[in-house]
Amino acid sequence: MNGIMAQSFISAWLVAAGGPIEGKVAFIGVFAILLVWLLLMPRRLVVEEGTNLPWWQNTRYWAILIVLIEIAVYYRWG
């Protein structure tokens, strides 16, 4: 009887600690939240008002690209 309780405790501990899938979801979730924040951030926080920069000089575009790459990396190899 004691062995069954120990196995149940170990199983519950492993489920609570999470596994590879939960870790992957957690990392992708953090970057997904960052992506939403980057998409919804007001333009005035990124560039000065009245400035019209080309896309390759826009910090927001590069940040979004990097976040998408990080999501792809953690999805594939995380």
PDB file of N, CA and C in Angstrom:
ATOM      1  N   MET A   1       0.815  -1.194   0.000  1.00  0.00           N
ATOM      2  CA  MET A   1       0.000   0.000   0.000  1.00  0.00           C
ATOM      3  C   MET A   1       0.859   1.258   0.000  1.00  0.00           C
ATOM      4  N   ASN A   2       1.957   1.226   0.729  1.00  0.00           N
ATOM      5  CA  ASN A   2       2.842   2.378   0.813  1.00  0.00           C
ATOM      6  C   ASN A   2       3.501   2.663  -0.534  1.00  0.00           C
ATOM      7  N   GLY A   3       3.825   1.632  -1.299  1.00  0.00           N
ATOM      8  CA  GLY A   3       4.436   1.807  -2.614  1.00  0.00           C
ATOM      9  C   GLY A   3       3.496   2.461  -3.602  1.00  0.00           C
ATOM     10  N   ILE A   4       2.215   2.134  -3.501  1.00  0.00           N
ATOM     11  CA  ILE A   4       1.219   2.739  -4.393  1.00  0.00           C
ATOM     12  C   ILE A   4       1.091   4.225  -4.100  1.00  0.00           C
ATOM     13  N   MET A   5       1.116   4.590  -2.830  1.00  0.00           N
ATOM     14  CA  MET A   5       1.024   6.006  -2.467  1.00  0.00           C
ATOM     15  C   MET A   5       2.258   6.766  -2.943  1.00  0.00           C
ATOM     16  N   ALA A   6       3.419   6.134  -2.849  1.00  0.00           N
ATOM     17  CA  ALA A   6       4.649   6.778  -3.310  1.00  0.00           C
ATOM     18  C   ALA A   6       4.609   6.983  -4.815  1.00  0.00           C
ATOM     19  N   GLN A   7       4.115   5.986  -5.553  1.00  0.00           N
ATOM     20  CA  GLN A   7       4.015   6.124  -7.005  1.00  0.00           C
ATOM     21  C   GLN A   7       3.008   7.209  -7.378  1.00  0.00           C
ATOM     22  N   SER A   8       1.918   7.295  -6.650  1.00  0.00           N
ATOM     23  CA  SER A   8       0.928   8.334  -6.915  1.00  0.00           C
ATOM     24  C   SER A   8       1.510   9.716  -6.644  1.00  0.00           C
ATOM     25  N   PHE A   9       2.283   9.823  -5.559  1.00  0.00           N
ATOM     26  CA  PHE A   9       2.911  11.102  -5.229  1.00  0.00           C
ATOM     27  C   PHE A   9       3.912  11.502  -6.306  1.00  0.00           C
ATOM     28  N   ILE A  10       4.730  10.548  -6.758  1.00  0.00           N
ATOM     29  CA  ILE A  10       5.726  10.844  -7.792  1.00  0.00           C
ATOM     30  C   ILE A  10       5.028  11.234  -9.089  1.00  0.00           C
ATOM     31  N   SER A  11       3.955  10.521  -9.451  1.00  0.00           N
ATOM     32  CA  SER A  11       3.212  10.864 -10.666  1.00  0.00           C
ATOM     33  C   SER A  11       2.604  12.253 -10.562  1.00  0.00           C
ATOM     34  N   ALA A  12       2.025  12.571  -9.422  1.00  0.00           N
ATOM     35  CA  ALA A  12       1.440  13.904  -9.226  1.00  0.00           C
ATOM     36  C   ALA A  12       2.518  14.974  -9.275  1.00  0.00           C
ATOM     37  N   TRP A  13       3.687  14.707  -8.722  1.00  0.00           N
ATOM     38  CA  TRP A  13       4.790  15.667  -8.729  1.00  0.00           C
ATOM     39  C   TRP A  13       5.263  15.933 -10.159  1.00  0.00           C
ATOM     40  N   LEU A  14       5.383  14.887 -10.965  1.00  0.00           N
ATOM     41  CA  LEU A  14       5.821  15.059 -12.347  1.00  0.00           C
ATOM     42  C   LEU A  14       4.801  15.837 -13.162  1.00  0.00           C
ATOM     43  N   VAL A  15       3.530  15.599 -12.930  1.00  0.00           N
ATOM     44  CA  VAL A  15       2.496  16.346 -13.652  1.00  0.00           C
ATOM     45  C   VAL A  15       2.516  17.808 -13.238  1.00  0.00           C
ATOM     46  N   ALA A  16       2.684  18.063 -11.948  1.00  0.00           N
ATOM     47  CA  ALA A  16       2.714  19.446 -11.454  1.00  0.00           C
ATOM     48  C   ALA A  16       3.957  20.179 -11.942  1.00  0.00           C
ATOM     49  N   ALA A  17       5.074  19.471 -12.062  1.00  0.00           N
ATOM     50  CA  ALA A  17       6.322  20.108 -12.489  1.00  0.00           C
ATOM     51  C   ALA A  17       6.297  20.445 -13.977  1.00  0.00           C
ATOM     52  N   GLY A  18       5.492  19.755 -14.729  1.00  0.00           N
ATOM     53  CA  GLY A  18       5.419  20.021 -16.165  1.00  0.00           C
ATOM     54  C   GLY A  18       6.444  19.200 -16.922  1.00  0.00           C
ATOM     55  N   GLY A  19       6.229  19.108 -18.202  1.00  0.00           N
ATOM     56  CA  GLY A  19       7.127  18.339 -19.042  1.00  0.00           C
ATOM     57  C   GLY A  19       7.589  19.150 -20.224  1.00  0.00           C
ATOM     58  N   PRO A  20       8.115  18.476 -21.224  1.00  0.00           N
ATOM     59  CA  PRO A  20       8.625  19.192 -22.398  1.00  0.00           C
ATOM     60  C   PRO A  20       7.546  19.993 -23.133  1.00  0.00           C
ATOM     61  N   ILE A  21       6.343  19.461 -23.189  1.00  0.00           N
ATOM     62  CA  ILE A  21       5.268  20.169 -23.892  1.00  0.00           C
ATOM     63  C   ILE A  21       4.902  21.448 -23.151  1.00  0.00           C
ATOM     64  N   GLU A  22       4.794  21.353 -21.825  1.00  0.00           N
ATOM     65  CA  GLU A  22       4.434  22.531 -21.041  1.00  0.00           C
ATOM     66  C   GLU A  22       5.514  23.604 -21.130  1.00  0.00           C
ATOM     67  N   GLY A  23       6.765  23.183 -21.149  1.00  0.00           N
ATOM     68  CA  GLY A  23       7.865  24.139 -21.287  1.00  0.00           C
ATOM     69  C   GLY A  23       7.852  24.842 -22.629  1.00  0.00           C
ATOM     70  N   LYS A  24       7.584  24.071 -23.662  1.00  0.00           N
ATOM     71  CA  LYS A  24       7.504  24.652 -25.015  1.00  0.00           C
ATOM     72  C   LYS A  24       6.363  25.661 -25.087  1.00  0.00           C
ATOM     73  N   VAL A  25       5.219  25.293 -24.529  1.00  0.00           N
ATOM     74  CA  VAL A  25       4.057  26.188 -24.543  1.00  0.00           C
ATOM     75  C   VAL A  25       4.345  27.455 -23.733  1.00  0.00           C
ATOM     76  N   ALA A  26       5.042  27.301 -22.605  1.00  0.00           N
ATOM     77  CA  ALA A  26       5.354  28.466 -21.773  1.00  0.00           C
ATOM     78  C   ALA A  26       6.269  29.434 -22.519  1.00  0.00           C
ATOM     79  N   PHE A  27       7.325  28.934 -23.143  1.00  0.00           N
ATOM     80  CA  PHE A  27       8.244  29.816 -23.865  1.00  0.00           C
ATOM     81  C   PHE A  27       7.559  30.473 -25.064  1.00  0.00           C
ATOM     82  N   ILE A  28       6.792  29.707 -25.817  1.00  0.00           N
ATOM     83  CA  ILE A  28       6.085  30.280 -26.963  1.00  0.00           C
ATOM     84  C   ILE A  28       5.054  31.290 -26.491  1.00  0.00           C
ATOM     85  N   GLY A  29       4.408  31.011 -25.355  1.00  0.00           N
ATOM     86  CA  GLY A  29       3.429  31.940 -24.806  1.00  0.00           C
ATOM     87  C   GLY A  29       4.025  33.278 -24.433  1.00  0.00           C
ATOM     88  N   VAL A  30       5.224  33.256 -23.860  1.00  0.00           N
ATOM     89  CA  VAL A  30       5.900  34.513 -23.505  1.00  0.00           C
ATOM     90  C   VAL A  30       6.173  35.336 -24.758  1.00  0.00           C
ATOM     91  N   PHE A  31       6.670  34.699 -25.796  1.00  0.00           N
ATOM     92  CA  PHE A  31       6.957  35.432 -27.026  1.00  0.00           C
ATOM     93  C   PHE A  31       5.681  35.845 -27.749  1.00  0.00           C
ATOM     94  N   ALA A  32       4.614  35.063 -27.623  1.00  0.00           N
ATOM     95  CA  ALA A  32       3.333  35.454 -28.223  1.00  0.00           C
ATOM     96  C   ALA A  32       2.777  36.705 -27.537  1.00  0.00           C
ATOM     97  N   ILE A  33       2.910  36.771 -26.213  1.00  0.00           N
ATOM     98  CA  ILE A  33       2.476  37.976 -25.489  1.00  0.00           C
ATOM     99  C   ILE A  33       3.316  39.177 -25.918  1.00  0.00           C
ATOM    100  N   LEU A  34       4.622  38.969 -26.064  1.00  0.00           N
ATOM    101  CA  LEU A  34       5.495  40.046 -26.533  1.00  0.00           C
ATOM    102  C   LEU A  34       5.100  40.500 -27.937  1.00  0.00           C
ATOM    103  N   LEU A  35       4.746  39.559 -28.797  1.00  0.00           N
ATOM    104  CA  LEU A  35       4.319  39.896 -30.159  1.00  0.00           C
ATOM    105  C   LEU A  35       3.041  40.739 -30.144  1.00  0.00           C
ATOM    106  N   VAL A  36       2.080  40.354 -29.326  1.00  0.00           N
ATOM    107  CA  VAL A  36       0.838  41.126 -29.224  1.00  0.00           C
ATOM    108  C   VAL A  36       1.144  42.534 -28.723  1.00  0.00           C
ATOM    109  N   TRP A  37       2.031  42.637 -27.727  1.00  0.00           N
ATOM    110  CA  TRP A  37       2.408  43.940 -27.191  1.00  0.00           C
ATOM    111  C   TRP A  37       3.075  44.797 -28.265  1.00  0.00           C
ATOM    112  N   LEU A  38       3.954  44.208 -29.056  1.00  0.00           N
ATOM    113  CA  LEU A  38       4.611  44.955 -30.129  1.00  0.00           C
ATOM    114  C   LEU A  38       3.614  45.415 -31.191  1.00  0.00           C
ATOM    115  N   LEU A  39       2.632  44.591 -31.482  1.00  0.00           N
ATOM    116  CA  LEU A  39       1.639  44.957 -32.493  1.00  0.00           C
ATOM    117  C   LEU A  39       0.687  46.043 -32.001  1.00  0.00           C
ATOM    118  N   LEU A  40       0.393  46.057 -30.710  1.00  0.00           N
ATOM    119  CA  LEU A  40      -0.571  47.013 -30.168  1.00  0.00           C
ATOM    120  C   LEU A  40       0.064  48.285 -29.592  1.00  0.00           C
ATOM    121  N   MET A  41       1.390  48.315 -29.508  1.00  0.00           N
ATOM    122  CA  MET A  41       2.077  49.470 -28.943  1.00  0.00           C
ATOM    123  C   MET A  41       1.838  50.707 -29.811  1.00  0.00           C
ATOM    124  N   PRO A  42       1.534  51.842 -29.178  1.00  0.00           N
ATOM    125  CA  PRO A  42       1.311  53.062 -29.962  1.00  0.00           C
ATOM    126  C   PRO A  42       2.569  53.470 -30.730  1.00  0.00           C
ATOM    127  N   ARG A  43       2.371  54.023 -31.898  1.00  0.00           N
ATOM    128  CA  ARG A  43       3.487  54.419 -32.770  1.00  0.00           C
ATOM    129  C   ARG A  43       4.367  55.479 -32.110  1.00  0.00           C
ATOM    130  N   ARG A  44       3.772  56.343 -31.298  1.00  0.00           N
ATOM    131  CA  ARG A  44       4.539  57.420 -30.669  1.00  0.00           C
ATOM    132  C   ARG A  44       5.597  56.890 -29.701  1.00  0.00           C
ATOM    133  N   LEU A  45       5.456  55.650 -29.231  1.00  0.00           N
ATOM    134  CA  LEU A  45       6.452  55.062 -28.346  1.00  0.00           C
ATOM    135  C   LEU A  45       7.645  54.493 -29.105  1.00  0.00           C
ATOM    136  N   VAL A  46       7.492  54.315 -30.410  1.00  0.00           N
ATOM    137  CA  VAL A  46       8.543  53.700 -31.213  1.00  0.00           C
ATOM    138  C   VAL A  46       9.346  54.739 -31.985  1.00  0.00           C
ATOM    139  N   VAL A  47       8.661  55.666 -32.643  1.00  0.00           N
ATOM    140  CA  VAL A  47       9.331  56.696 -33.442  1.00  0.00           C
ATOM    141  C   VAL A  47       8.808  58.068 -33.046  1.00  0.00           C
ATOM    142  N   GLU A  48       9.574  59.084 -33.361  1.00  0.00           N
ATOM    143  CA  GLU A  48       9.139  60.451 -33.090  1.00  0.00           C
ATOM    144  C   GLU A  48       7.978  60.812 -33.997  1.00  0.00           C
ATOM    145  N   GLU A  49       7.097  61.664 -33.484  1.00  0.00           N
ATOM    146  CA  GLU A  49       5.941  62.074 -34.273  1.00  0.00           C
ATOM    147  C   GLU A  49       6.387  62.895 -35.478  1.00  0.00           C
ATOM    148  N   GLY A  50       5.723  62.672 -36.576  1.00  0.00           N
ATOM    149  CA  GLY A  50       6.043  63.396 -37.795  1.00  0.00           C
ATOM    150  C   GLY A  50       7.177  62.758 -38.591  1.00  0.00           C
ATOM    151  N   THR A  51       7.751  61.688 -38.081  1.00  0.00           N
ATOM    152  CA  THR A  51       8.844  61.013 -38.773  1.00  0.00           C
ATOM    153  C   THR A  51       8.271  59.846 -39.569  1.00  0.00           C
ATOM    154  N   ASN A  52       8.634  59.772 -40.831  1.00  0.00           N
ATOM    155  CA  ASN A  52       8.197  58.669 -41.679  1.00  0.00           C
ATOM    156  C   ASN A  52       9.437  57.911 -42.148  1.00  0.00           C
ATOM    157  N   LEU A  53       9.813  56.881 -41.404  1.00  0.00           N
ATOM    158  CA  LEU A  53      11.012  56.102 -41.711  1.00  0.00           C
ATOM    159  C   LEU A  53      10.698  54.989 -42.695  1.00  0.00           C
ATOM    160  N   PRO A  54      11.664  54.604 -43.523  1.00  0.00           N
ATOM    161  CA  PRO A  54      11.474  53.414 -44.362  1.00  0.00           C
ATOM    162  C   PRO A  54      11.360  52.174 -43.471  1.00  0.00           C
ATOM    163  N   TRP A  55      10.795  51.112 -43.988  1.00  0.00           N
ATOM    164  CA  TRP A  55      10.539  49.924 -43.179  1.00  0.00           C
ATOM    165  C   TRP A  55      11.811  49.326 -42.587  1.00  0.00           C
ATOM    166  N   TRP A  56      12.929  49.401 -43.288  1.00  0.00           N
ATOM    167  CA  TRP A  56      14.159  48.772 -42.782  1.00  0.00           C
ATOM    168  C   TRP A  56      14.789  49.563 -41.637  1.00  0.00           C
ATOM    169  N   GLN A  57      14.326  50.776 -41.379  1.00  0.00           N
ATOM    170  CA  GLN A  57      14.820  51.550 -40.244  1.00  0.00           C
ATOM    171  C   GLN A  57      13.805  51.589 -39.105  1.00  0.00           C
ATOM    172  N   ASN A  58      12.687  50.911 -39.275  1.00  0.00           N
ATOM    173  CA  ASN A  58      11.653  50.898 -38.261  1.00  0.00           C
ATOM    174  C   ASN A  58      11.954  49.815 -37.233  1.00  0.00           C
ATOM    175  N   THR A  59      12.122  50.207 -35.984  1.00  0.00           N
ATOM    176  CA  THR A  59      12.473  49.284 -34.911  1.00  0.00           C
ATOM    177  C   THR A  59      11.378  48.259 -34.665  1.00  0.00           C
ATOM    178  N   ARG A  60      10.135  48.660 -34.799  1.00  0.00           N
ATOM    179  CA  ARG A  60       9.024  47.747 -34.538  1.00  0.00           C
ATOM    180  C   ARG A  60       9.044  46.572 -35.504  1.00  0.00           C
ATOM    181  N   TYR A  61       9.289  46.820 -36.784  1.00  0.00           N
ATOM    182  CA  TYR A  61       9.326  45.727 -37.759  1.00  0.00           C
ATOM    183  C   TYR A  61      10.418  44.717 -37.426  1.00  0.00           C
ATOM    184  N   TRP A  62      11.585  45.202 -37.051  1.00  0.00           N
ATOM    185  CA  TRP A  62      12.680  44.304 -36.714  1.00  0.00           C
ATOM    186  C   TRP A  62      12.383  43.519 -35.442  1.00  0.00           C
ATOM    187  N   ALA A  63      11.764  44.156 -34.454  1.00  0.00           N
ATOM    188  CA  ALA A  63      11.411  43.464 -33.217  1.00  0.00           C
ATOM    189  C   ALA A  63      10.377  42.372 -33.496  1.00  0.00           C
ATOM    190  N   ILE A  64       9.389  42.675 -34.340  1.00  0.00           N
ATOM    191  CA  ILE A  64       8.381  41.679 -34.687  1.00  0.00           C
ATOM    192  C   ILE A  64       9.017  40.513 -35.437  1.00  0.00           C
ATOM    193  N   LEU A  65       9.924  40.795 -36.347  1.00  0.00           N
ATOM    194  CA  LEU A  65      10.616  39.737 -37.087  1.00  0.00           C
ATOM    195  C   LEU A  65      11.413  38.837 -36.145  1.00  0.00           C
ATOM    196  N   ILE A  66      12.116  39.428 -35.203  1.00  0.00           N
ATOM    197  CA  ILE A  66      12.914  38.645 -34.259  1.00  0.00           C
ATOM    198  C   ILE A  66      12.016  37.782 -33.377  1.00  0.00           C
ATOM    199  N   VAL A  67      10.902  38.337 -32.917  1.00  0.00           N
ATOM    200  CA  VAL A  67       9.980  37.559 -32.089  1.00  0.00           C
ATOM    201  C   VAL A  67       9.403  36.390 -32.885  1.00  0.00           C
ATOM    202  N   LEU A  68       9.058  36.609 -34.143  1.00  0.00           N
ATOM    203  CA  LEU A  68       8.538  35.513 -34.970  1.00  0.00           C
ATOM    204  C   LEU A  68       9.589  34.426 -35.170  1.00  0.00           C
ATOM    205  N   ILE A  69      10.836  34.814 -35.348  1.00  0.00           N
ATOM    206  CA  ILE A  69      11.917  33.831 -35.477  1.00  0.00           C
ATOM    207  C   ILE A  69      12.080  33.050 -34.181  1.00  0.00           C
ATOM    208  N   GLU A  70      12.015  33.735 -33.041  1.00  0.00           N
ATOM    209  CA  GLU A  70      12.140  33.046 -31.755  1.00  0.00           C
ATOM    210  C   GLU A  70      10.982  32.078 -31.525  1.00  0.00           C
ATOM    211  N   ILE A  71       9.778  32.463 -31.903  1.00  0.00           N
ATOM    212  CA  ILE A  71       8.639  31.551 -31.782  1.00  0.00           C
ATOM    213  C   ILE A  71       8.861  30.324 -32.653  1.00  0.00           C
ATOM    214  N   ALA A  72       9.347  30.516 -33.876  1.00  0.00           N
ATOM    215  CA  ALA A  72       9.609  29.384 -34.771  1.00  0.00           C
ATOM    216  C   ALA A  72      10.692  28.468 -34.211  1.00  0.00           C
ATOM    217  N   VAL A  73      11.736  29.052 -33.638  1.00  0.00           N
ATOM    218  CA  VAL A  73      12.827  28.245 -33.065  1.00  0.00           C
ATOM    219  C   VAL A  73      12.316  27.420 -31.894  1.00  0.00           C
ATOM    220  N   TYR A  74      11.582  28.038 -30.970  1.00  0.00           N
ATOM    221  CA  TYR A  74      11.074  27.290 -29.822  1.00  0.00           C
ATOM    222  C   TYR A  74      10.021  26.285 -30.236  1.00  0.00           C
ATOM    223  N   TYR A  75       9.251  26.563 -31.273  1.00  0.00           N
ATOM    224  CA  TYR A  75       8.265  25.601 -31.758  1.00  0.00           C
ATOM    225  C   TYR A  75       8.951  24.375 -32.351  1.00  0.00           C
ATOM    226  N   ARG A  76      10.009  24.617 -33.104  1.00  0.00           N
ATOM    227  CA  ARG A  76      10.691  23.504 -33.794  1.00  0.00           C
ATOM    228  C   ARG A  76      11.656  22.750 -32.894  1.00  0.00           C
ATOM    229  N   TRP A  77      12.503  23.474 -32.139  1.00  0.00           N
ATOM    230  CA  TRP A  77      13.550  22.819 -31.368  1.00  0.00           C
ATOM    231  C   TRP A  77      13.400  22.954 -29.854  1.00  0.00           C
ATOM    232  N   GLY A  78      12.311  23.557 -29.401  1.00  0.00           N
ATOM    233  CA  GLY A  78      12.140  23.815 -27.969  1.00  0.00           C
ATOM    234  C   GLY A  78      11.820  22.606 -27.151  1.00  0.00           C
TER     235      GLY A  78
END
